[in-house]
N, C-alpha and C. Protein backbone atom coordinates (compact mmCIF):
# COMPACT_ATOMS: atom_id res chain seq x y z
N MET A 1 -15.41 125.97 58.12
CA MET A 1 -14.76 126.78 57.47
C MET A 1 -14.19 125.91 56.25
N THR A 2 -14.25 126.79 55.19
CA THR A 2 -13.90 125.72 53.83
C THR A 2 -13.03 127.13 53.80
N SER A 3 -11.53 126.73 53.72
CA SER A 3 -10.82 127.24 53.10
C SER A 3 -10.59 127.60 51.41
N SER A 4 -10.31 128.71 50.64
CA SER A 4 -10.21 128.89 49.63
C SER A 4 -9.24 128.09 48.91
N PRO A 5 -8.99 128.03 47.65
CA PRO A 5 -7.90 127.06 47.51
C PRO A 5 -6.45 127.91 47.46
N GLN A 6 -6.68 129.12 47.13
CA GLN A 6 -5.76 130.57 48.05
C GLN A 6 -4.90 130.55 48.68
N VAL A 7 -5.69 130.49 49.78
CA VAL A 7 -5.18 130.37 50.71
C VAL A 7 -4.67 129.20 50.97
N GLU A 8 -4.56 127.66 50.72
CA GLU A 8 -4.72 126.71 50.57
C GLU A 8 -2.88 126.56 50.01
N ALA A 9 -3.37 127.23 48.91
CA ALA A 9 -1.94 127.38 47.84
C ALA A 9 -0.70 128.18 49.18
N ALA A 10 -1.44 129.03 49.56
CA ALA A 10 -0.37 129.98 50.64
C ALA A 10 0.23 129.24 51.54
N ARG A 11 -0.81 128.50 52.55
CA ARG A 11 -0.31 127.51 53.83
C ARG A 11 0.46 126.42 53.10
N ILE A 12 0.15 125.76 51.53
CA ILE A 12 1.64 124.94 51.24
C ILE A 12 2.46 125.83 50.71
N GLU A 13 2.19 126.94 50.36
CA GLU A 13 4.28 127.20 50.31
C GLU A 13 4.57 127.78 51.49
N VAL A 14 4.65 127.88 52.41
CA VAL A 14 4.39 129.01 53.35
C VAL A 14 5.26 127.51 54.16
N GLU A 15 4.60 126.06 54.40
CA GLU A 15 5.59 125.25 54.76
C GLU A 15 6.68 124.78 54.04
N ARG A 16 6.49 124.98 53.05
CA ARG A 16 7.83 124.48 51.77
C ARG A 16 8.80 125.71 52.46
N SER A 17 8.42 127.06 52.35
CA SER A 17 9.36 127.82 52.88
C SER A 17 10.53 127.88 53.87
N ARG A 18 9.01 127.12 54.83
CA ARG A 18 9.54 127.21 56.58
C ARG A 18 10.17 125.49 56.40
N ALA A 19 10.30 124.87 55.41
CA ALA A 19 11.53 123.27 55.67
C ALA A 19 12.44 124.19 55.04
N ARG A 20 12.21 124.40 53.74
CA ARG A 20 13.88 125.24 53.08
C ARG A 20 14.47 126.01 54.44
N LEU A 21 14.10 126.93 55.40
CA LEU A 21 14.99 127.89 56.19
C LEU A 21 14.63 126.66 57.08
N MET A 22 14.59 125.91 57.85
CA MET A 22 14.81 125.00 58.75
C MET A 22 16.27 123.90 58.21
N ALA A 23 16.13 123.78 56.75
CA ALA A 23 16.98 122.59 56.29
C ALA A 23 18.57 123.57 55.91
N THR A 24 17.71 125.21 56.28
CA THR A 24 19.36 126.12 55.74
C THR A 24 19.89 125.76 57.04
N ALA A 25 18.98 125.96 58.72
CA ALA A 25 19.50 126.01 59.29
C ALA A 25 20.44 125.19 59.86
N HIS A 26 19.66 124.11 59.99
CA HIS A 26 20.95 123.04 60.34
C HIS A 26 22.02 122.90 59.51
N GLU A 27 21.63 123.05 58.12
CA GLU A 27 23.18 122.94 57.60
C GLU A 27 24.22 124.06 57.49
N LEU A 28 23.72 125.55 58.13
CA LEU A 28 24.65 126.48 58.97
C LEU A 28 25.23 126.12 60.20
N GLN A 29 24.14 125.10 60.85
CA GLN A 29 24.78 124.41 62.18
C GLN A 29 25.85 124.05 62.10
N ASP A 30 25.47 122.61 61.10
CA ASP A 30 26.52 122.01 60.68
C ASP A 30 28.26 122.55 60.64
N ARG A 31 28.04 123.31 59.24
CA ARG A 31 29.14 123.94 58.97
C ARG A 31 29.76 124.75 59.78
N LEU A 32 29.10 125.53 60.93
CA LEU A 32 29.67 126.13 62.00
C LEU A 32 30.13 125.63 63.28
N ASN A 33 29.83 124.38 63.04
CA ASN A 33 30.14 123.77 64.84
C ASN A 33 31.46 123.43 64.70
N PRO A 34 32.04 123.88 65.82
CA PRO A 34 33.91 123.85 65.72
C PRO A 34 33.93 122.22 65.31
N LYS A 35 33.62 121.41 65.83
CA LYS A 35 34.14 119.99 65.14
C LYS A 35 34.43 120.42 63.79
N THR A 36 33.70 120.71 63.63
CA THR A 36 33.74 120.37 61.67
C THR A 36 34.50 121.85 61.01
N LEU A 37 34.61 122.70 61.93
CA LEU A 37 35.46 123.75 61.39
C LEU A 37 36.91 123.39 61.63
N ALA A 38 37.16 122.70 62.35
CA ALA A 38 38.50 122.52 62.90
C ALA A 38 39.19 120.94 61.96
N LYS A 39 38.05 120.31 61.82
CA LYS A 39 38.38 119.11 60.39
C LYS A 39 38.92 120.20 59.65
N ASP A 40 38.00 120.68 58.84
CA ASP A 40 37.97 121.49 57.65
C ASP A 40 39.26 122.06 57.68
N ALA A 41 39.60 122.65 59.29
CA ALA A 41 40.99 123.56 58.41
C ALA A 41 42.04 122.82 58.55
N TRP A 42 41.70 121.38 59.16
CA TRP A 42 42.99 120.76 59.14
C TRP A 42 43.27 119.96 57.97
N GLN A 43 42.05 119.62 57.47
CA GLN A 43 42.16 119.05 55.85
C GLN A 43 43.02 119.98 54.92
N GLY A 44 42.49 121.23 54.99
CA GLY A 44 42.72 122.41 54.27
C GLY A 44 44.80 122.51 54.34
N ALA A 45 45.11 122.20 55.65
CA ALA A 45 46.39 122.76 56.13
C ALA A 45 47.20 121.17 55.65
N LYS A 46 46.51 120.63 55.51
CA LYS A 46 47.19 119.23 54.84
C LYS A 46 47.31 119.39 53.85
N GLU A 47 46.34 120.17 52.71
CA GLU A 47 46.49 120.24 51.28
C GLU A 47 47.84 120.69 51.05
N LYS A 48 47.56 122.09 51.89
CA LYS A 48 48.49 122.93 51.42
C LYS A 48 49.62 122.57 51.86
N GLY A 49 50.48 122.02 52.71
CA GLY A 49 51.69 121.76 53.26
C GLY A 49 51.98 120.38 52.47
N ALA A 50 51.03 119.24 51.57
CA ALA A 50 51.20 118.66 50.37
C ALA A 50 51.69 119.38 48.95
N ASP A 51 50.75 120.42 48.66
CA ASP A 51 51.71 121.09 47.81
C ASP A 51 52.98 122.09 48.24
N MET A 52 52.75 122.01 48.99
CA MET A 52 54.32 122.83 49.57
C MET A 52 55.67 122.07 49.10
N ALA A 53 54.90 120.45 50.10
CA ALA A 53 56.63 120.18 49.61
C ALA A 53 56.46 119.29 48.10
N GLU A 54 55.08 119.58 47.42
CA GLU A 54 55.57 118.68 46.11
C GLU A 54 56.41 119.93 45.06
N ASP A 55 55.97 120.95 45.69
CA ASP A 55 56.67 122.24 44.58
C ASP A 55 58.43 122.24 45.35
N ALA A 56 58.20 121.97 46.69
CA ALA A 56 59.59 122.31 47.26
C ALA A 56 60.54 120.50 46.27
N VAL A 57 60.39 120.06 46.09
CA VAL A 57 60.80 118.53 45.56
C VAL A 57 60.73 119.13 43.79
N ASP A 58 60.34 119.57 43.29
CA ASP A 58 59.87 119.94 42.07
C ASP A 58 61.51 120.91 42.12
N ALA A 59 61.29 121.86 43.08
CA ALA A 59 62.39 123.22 42.88
C ALA A 59 63.84 121.90 43.50
N VAL A 60 63.73 121.32 43.66
CA VAL A 60 64.99 120.66 44.10
C VAL A 60 65.47 119.89 42.95
N LYS A 61 64.53 118.94 42.75
CA LYS A 61 65.16 117.96 41.58
C LYS A 61 65.50 119.14 40.08
N SER A 62 64.82 120.11 40.03
CA SER A 62 65.90 121.02 38.71
C SER A 62 66.92 121.63 39.25
N ARG A 63 67.35 121.98 40.71
CA ARG A 63 68.45 122.81 40.57
C ARG A 63 68.93 122.12 41.91
N PRO A 64 69.41 120.75 41.91
CA PRO A 64 69.98 120.14 43.01
C PRO A 64 71.35 121.03 44.18
N TYR A 65 72.14 121.65 42.62
CA TYR A 65 73.56 122.14 43.70
C TYR A 65 72.59 123.33 44.64
N VAL A 66 72.18 123.79 43.73
CA VAL A 66 71.54 125.40 44.82
C VAL A 66 70.81 125.25 45.72
N SER A 67 70.11 123.58 45.75
CA SER A 67 69.14 123.51 47.16
C SER A 67 70.25 123.04 48.22
N SER A 68 71.54 122.03 47.29
CA SER A 68 71.92 121.45 48.75
C SER A 68 73.17 122.57 49.43
N GLY A 69 73.38 123.61 48.62
CA GLY A 69 74.17 124.97 48.97
C GLY A 69 73.31 125.87 49.84
N VAL A 70 71.45 125.54 49.45
CA VAL A 70 71.16 126.79 50.34
C VAL A 70 71.08 125.48 51.55
N VAL A 71 70.56 124.68 51.77
CA VAL A 71 70.60 123.56 53.29
C VAL A 71 71.91 123.63 53.75
N ALA A 72 72.54 123.55 53.24
CA ALA A 72 74.31 123.31 53.99
C ALA A 72 73.88 124.98 54.43
N ALA A 73 73.92 126.17 54.18
CA ALA A 73 74.15 127.75 55.09
C ALA A 73 73.31 127.67 55.81
N ILE A 74 71.85 126.66 55.70
CA ILE A 74 71.12 127.18 57.06
C ILE A 74 71.31 126.29 58.49
N ALA A 75 71.50 124.59 57.97
CA ALA A 75 72.50 123.86 58.89
C ALA A 75 73.60 124.72 59.28
N MET A 76 74.43 125.44 59.01
CA MET A 76 75.37 126.03 59.37
C MET A 76 75.02 127.08 60.34
N PHE A 77 73.58 127.68 59.83
CA PHE A 77 73.42 129.22 60.83
C PHE A 77 72.84 128.62 61.91
N LEU A 78 72.15 127.41 61.77
CA LEU A 78 71.24 126.71 63.14
C LEU A 78 72.20 125.99 63.64
N ALA A 79 73.51 125.51 63.50
CA ALA A 79 74.47 125.07 63.93
C ALA A 79 75.74 125.99 64.48
N ARG A 80 75.66 127.01 64.74
CA ARG A 80 76.61 128.41 64.65
C ARG A 80 77.51 127.78 66.18
N GLU A 81 76.57 128.10 67.06
CA GLU A 81 76.98 128.03 68.39
C GLU A 81 78.59 126.81 68.73
N PRO A 82 77.30 125.00 68.17
CA PRO A 82 78.09 124.53 68.59
C PRO A 82 79.36 124.43 67.25
N LEU A 83 79.54 124.85 66.39
CA LEU A 83 80.25 124.97 65.61
C LEU A 83 81.24 126.18 65.70
N LYS A 84 81.39 127.42 66.94
CA LYS A 84 81.77 128.11 67.19
C LYS A 84 82.99 127.49 68.27
N ASP A 85 81.75 126.36 69.39
CA ASP A 85 82.43 125.69 70.25
C ASP A 85 83.85 124.94 69.62
N LEU A 86 83.07 124.36 68.47
CA LEU A 86 84.03 122.80 68.03
C LEU A 86 85.69 123.56 67.84
N ALA A 87 85.43 124.73 66.85
CA ALA A 87 86.50 125.78 66.51
C ALA A 87 87.28 125.83 67.65
N GLY A 88 86.83 126.79 68.86
CA GLY A 88 87.12 127.19 69.93
C GLY A 88 88.28 125.95 70.57
N ASN A 89 87.66 124.91 70.24
CA ASN A 89 88.20 123.99 70.99
C ASN A 89 89.47 123.15 70.45
N ILE A 90 89.27 123.18 68.96
CA ILE A 90 90.10 122.69 68.11
C ILE A 90 91.51 123.69 68.21
N ALA A 91 91.46 125.19 68.40
CA ALA A 91 92.31 125.88 68.78
C ALA A 91 93.01 125.89 69.78
N ASP A 92 92.05 125.99 70.67
CA ASP A 92 92.80 125.87 72.01
C ASP A 92 94.16 124.02 72.43
N GLY A 93 92.98 123.07 71.28
CA GLY A 93 93.89 122.40 71.51
C GLY A 93 95.17 122.00 70.88
N PHE A 94 95.33 122.38 69.55
CA PHE A 94 96.24 123.24 69.16
C PHE A 94 97.68 124.23 69.47
N ALA A 95 96.94 125.32 70.71
CA ALA A 95 98.07 125.83 71.64
C ALA A 95 97.87 125.37 72.28
N LYS A 96 97.38 124.04 73.53
CA LYS A 96 97.97 123.39 74.19
C LYS A 96 99.32 122.27 73.28
N LYS A 97 99.23 122.09 72.40
CA LYS A 97 100.48 120.96 72.08
C LYS A 97 101.54 121.64 72.05
N ARG A 98 101.37 122.95 71.62
CA ARG A 98 102.81 124.24 71.33
C ARG A 98 103.49 124.13 72.53
N THR A 99 102.62 124.54 73.21
CA THR A 99 103.09 124.89 74.59
C THR A 99 103.75 123.90 75.74
N THR A 100 103.44 122.95 74.97
CA THR A 100 103.34 121.82 76.62
C THR A 100 104.60 120.57 75.80
N ARG A 101 104.75 120.95 74.55
CA ARG A 101 105.99 120.12 74.10
C ARG A 101 106.93 120.13 75.05
N LYS A 102 107.70 119.01 74.94
CA LYS A 102 108.77 118.91 75.46
C LYS A 102 110.01 119.24 74.96
N ARG A 103 110.79 120.49 75.25
CA ARG A 103 111.99 120.89 74.89
C ARG A 103 113.29 119.97 74.91
N ARG A 104 113.96 119.29 74.07
CA ARG A 104 115.51 118.54 74.21
C ARG A 104 116.20 119.28 74.99
N LYS A 105 116.73 118.97 76.18
CA LYS A 105 117.84 119.55 76.74
C LYS A 105 119.15 119.29 76.04
N PRO A 106 119.63 120.19 75.82
CA PRO A 106 121.39 120.12 75.60
C PRO A 106 121.93 119.17 75.96
N GLY A 107 122.53 117.79 75.42
CA GLY A 107 123.70 116.97 75.90
C GLY A 107 124.22 116.19 75.17
N PRO A 108 124.54 114.87 75.74
CA PRO A 108 125.43 114.22 74.53
C PRO A 108 124.30 113.72 73.34
N SER A 109 124.76 113.62 72.43
CA SER A 109 124.19 112.78 71.09
C SER A 109 124.28 111.08 71.61
N LYS A 110 122.92 110.91 70.58
CA LYS A 110 122.44 109.48 70.70
C LYS A 110 124.07 108.71 70.49
N ALA A 111 124.79 109.12 69.72
CA ALA A 111 125.93 108.57 69.38
C ALA A 111 126.61 108.34 70.60
N ALA A 112 126.94 109.25 70.72
CA ALA A 112 128.26 109.72 72.54
C ALA A 112 127.31 108.71 73.37
N ALA A 113 126.45 108.65 73.39
CA ALA A 113 125.61 107.87 74.79
C ALA A 113 125.97 106.14 74.34
N ALA A 114 125.73 105.90 73.35
CA ALA A 114 126.15 104.69 72.62
C ALA A 114 127.43 104.15 72.96
N LYS A 115 128.19 104.96 72.61
CA LYS A 115 130.03 104.50 72.99
C LYS A 115 130.17 104.27 74.91
N PRO A 116 130.89 103.29 74.70
CA PRO A 116 131.18 102.92 76.28
C PRO A 116 131.92 103.65 76.84
N LYS A 117 132.42 104.26 78.08
CA LYS A 117 132.90 104.88 78.44
C LYS A 117 134.44 104.24 78.97
N ASP A 118 135.77 104.98 79.06
CA ASP A 118 136.35 104.46 79.72
C ASP A 118 136.47 104.33 80.84
N LYS A 119 136.99 102.88 81.29
CA LYS A 119 137.04 102.93 82.86
C LYS A 119 138.27 103.11 83.76
N THR A 120 139.02 103.05 83.20
CA THR A 120 140.48 103.24 83.32
C THR A 120 141.02 104.56 84.52
N GLU A 121 141.36 104.48 85.55
CA GLU A 121 141.45 105.69 86.50
C GLU A 121 143.18 105.70 86.75
N THR A 122 143.27 107.11 86.75
CA THR A 122 145.23 107.29 86.78
C THR A 122 144.98 107.91 88.05
N VAL A 123 145.79 107.13 88.68
CA VAL A 123 146.02 107.74 90.20
C VAL A 123 147.41 107.92 90.34
N ASN A 124 147.68 109.23 90.77
CA ASN A 124 148.88 110.01 91.16
C ASN A 124 149.34 109.95 92.37
N ASP A 125 150.77 109.33 92.27
CA ASP A 125 151.15 109.20 93.26
C ASP A 125 152.15 110.34 94.14
């Protein structure tokens, strides 16, 4: 049985369509592969991070004093508990020094202590 040229052309077209469909299915499989998705997400995150870092560097270069102030404020906020403890320890140290200072007792002055005492005794008969 011989097929007509129209039927042969239709079969060829069906094979081409099937091949295109299979190629598209394989491409989708590759794109939806978890490893590929993770790799693409990681690559996108790296690019976005690099862009943000570049923008941050440009901002710091254009306003260094403001940037320094912001960084200092953030650092102080993050270290607020240790800074409070340090301030408390310093204040406690000053308070202890004031209360533990030795007070001088009234007594002879240094000049009087340096003078030799008279060792003569008087005897009453």
